[in-house]
Amino acid sequence: MLATERTSAAAIERALAAIDGQQQVILANRVSRGALEGRVAQAQAQVDLARINLANTVIRAPRDGQISEASVRVGQYAQAGTQLMFLVPEQLWVVANFKETQTSRMRLGQLASFTVDALDDARLTGRIEELAPATGSEFSVLRPDNASGNFTKIVQRIPIRIRIDPEQPLARRLRPGMSVVARVDTSGTASPKEVAP
């Protein structure tokens, strides 16, 4: 029986040593896991930084439109505030410069029509969207100055912005800078919902 007890005691010692060894393995794995989790967090931070850097390579337009006169090239660095291209918006409009004497009865929302020279004088319609707050000469680079005391009265022109009515097939052929002849129907008044507050 003594031999059996010794064998059993030795087996218990071996089992306890194995448990001790496994606990050391568990402890080492925990330390190793912590190091691995740190490496995973570092790799995730690098991925996040790469995503930010990639997002910084994309320039988004403030609205939909068609690019015109792009002066930027692939690989070129761009500074904030640098003009890279022109964007022609999808929603086009007409700016007609009417004599100030013609604008007394014009109101927001009134029906307007215009013919386009480049489209064989095709007639399109729209509505007054904005009456400029000043004459065109007030915004010119060299404003007229009457410092000499001589005064010559010249009828000024006021820019009127006309929103083009949708669903006109020829409107898709309009391009910025085209010449038009505009008319405004001042006999009627604008609908209240057309008038800006």
Foldseek 3Di string as FASTA:
>chain_A
DVVVVVVVVVVVVVVVVVVVVVVVVVVVVVVVVVVVVVVVVVVVVVVVVVVVVVVVVDDDDPADFDWADAPDDPPDDDDPPDDGTDGDHPFDKDKDWAFPVVCPLAAFQFKKWKFFVVVVRDIFIFTFQDKDPDFPLVPDPDHDDDPVVDDDDDTTITITITGTDPPDVCVNVDDPPTDMDMDTDSPDDHDVVRHDD
